[in-house]
Amino acid sequence: MNYFTYNGRSSEEFGLHIEKKDVFSAPEYDAAFTSIPGRSGDLIVSNRRFANVKVS
């Protein structure tokens, strides 16, 4: 597949084609994990942000 569809329209209609597929990694979600004695699993507390990512 070397095209994409947006709002029901194919990119081929506009002469646009996908040349190659690059895979980008997603940033890690920033959360704190706290172990509580007597409780199964960790308590996950969200910091409501993502860690930085290097893109070259």
C-alpha atoms as a PDB file:
ATOM      1  CA  MET A   1       0.000   0.000   0.000  1.00  0.00           C
ATOM      2  CA  ASN A   2       1.589   3.258  -1.064  1.00  0.00           C
ATOM      3  CA  TYR A   3      -1.298   5.633  -0.412  1.00  0.00           C
ATOM      4  CA  PHE A   4      -3.411   6.814   2.513  1.00  0.00           C
ATOM      5  CA  THR A   5      -7.060   7.726   2.950  1.00  0.00           C
ATOM      6  CA  TYR A   6      -8.293  10.852   4.725  1.00  0.00           C
ATOM      7  CA  ASN A   7     -11.934  11.894   5.010  1.00  0.00           C
ATOM      8  CA  GLY A   8     -12.843   9.233   2.468  1.00  0.00           C
ATOM      9  CA  ARG A   9     -10.417  10.593  -0.164  1.00  0.00           C
ATOM     10  CA  SER A  10      -7.380   8.680  -1.382  1.00  0.00           C
ATOM     11  CA  SER A  11      -4.034  10.461  -1.604  1.00  0.00           C
ATOM     12  CA  GLU A  12      -3.728   8.940  -5.110  1.00  0.00           C
ATOM     13  CA  GLU A  13      -6.474  11.318  -6.252  1.00  0.00           C
ATOM     14  CA  PHE A  14      -4.041  14.178  -5.608  1.00  0.00           C
ATOM     15  CA  GLY A  15      -0.940  12.450  -6.995  1.00  0.00           C
ATOM     16  CA  LEU A  16       0.455  11.774  -3.503  1.00  0.00           C
ATOM     17  CA  HIS A  17       2.178   8.463  -2.761  1.00  0.00           C
ATOM     18  CA  ILE A  18       4.024   7.104   0.286  1.00  0.00           C
ATOM     19  CA  GLU A  19       7.680   6.719  -0.640  1.00  0.00           C
ATOM     20  CA  LYS A  20       8.941   4.839   2.415  1.00  0.00           C
ATOM     21  CA  LYS A  21       7.801   3.915   5.892  1.00  0.00           C
ATOM     22  CA  ASP A  22       9.763   5.312   8.860  1.00  0.00           C
ATOM     23  CA  VAL A  23       9.035   3.948  12.290  1.00  0.00           C
ATOM     24  CA  PHE A  24       9.272   6.379  15.179  1.00  0.00           C
ATOM     25  CA  SER A  25       9.352   5.249  18.770  1.00  0.00           C
ATOM     26  CA  ALA A  26       6.822   6.716  21.163  1.00  0.00           C
ATOM     27  CA  PRO A  27       7.992   8.602  24.246  1.00  0.00           C
ATOM     28  CA  GLU A  28       7.881   6.825  27.573  1.00  0.00           C
ATOM     29  CA  TYR A  29       4.993   7.823  29.820  1.00  0.00           C
ATOM     30  CA  ASP A  30       6.264   9.398  33.052  1.00  0.00           C
ATOM     31  CA  ALA A  31       4.734   7.675  36.063  1.00  0.00           C
ATOM     32  CA  ALA A  32       5.877   6.745  39.566  1.00  0.00           C
ATOM     33  CA  PHE A  33       5.496   3.174  40.794  1.00  0.00           C
ATOM     34  CA  THR A  34       5.094   2.739  44.550  1.00  0.00           C
ATOM     35  CA  SER A  35       5.175  -0.650  46.248  1.00  0.00           C
ATOM     36  CA  ILE A  36       2.880  -0.930  49.274  1.00  0.00           C
ATOM     37  CA  PRO A  37       3.457  -3.804  51.725  1.00  0.00           C
ATOM     38  CA  GLY A  38       0.438  -6.117  51.911  1.00  0.00           C
ATOM     39  CA  ARG A  39      -0.925  -5.003  48.549  1.00  0.00           C
ATOM     40  CA  SER A  40      -0.574  -6.953  45.306  1.00  0.00           C
ATOM     41  CA  GLY A  41       1.027  -4.960  42.516  1.00  0.00           C
ATOM     42  CA  ASP A  42       2.353  -1.424  42.549  1.00  0.00           C
ATOM     43  CA  LEU A  43       0.442   1.801  42.942  1.00  0.00           C
ATOM     44  CA  ILE A  44       0.894   3.788  39.712  1.00  0.00           C
ATOM     45  CA  VAL A  45       0.851   7.564  40.091  1.00  0.00           C
ATOM     46  CA  SER A  46       0.761   9.536  36.834  1.00  0.00           C
ATOM     47  CA  ASN A  47       2.946  12.629  36.434  1.00  0.00           C
ATOM     48  CA  ARG A  48       0.730  13.618  33.466  1.00  0.00           C
ATOM     49  CA  ARG A  49       3.611  14.011  31.024  1.00  0.00           C
ATOM     50  CA  PHE A  50       5.901  12.125  28.653  1.00  0.00           C
ATOM     51  CA  ALA A  51       9.685  11.806  28.804  1.00  0.00           C
ATOM     52  CA  ASN A  52      11.891  13.516  26.207  1.00  0.00           C
ATOM     53  CA  VAL A  53      12.755  11.665  22.999  1.00  0.00           C
ATOM     54  CA  LYS A  54      15.781  12.157  20.716  1.00  0.00           C
ATOM     55  CA  VAL A  55      14.984  12.310  17.008  1.00  0.00           C
ATOM     56  CA  SER A  56      17.829  12.323  14.521  1.00  0.00           C
END
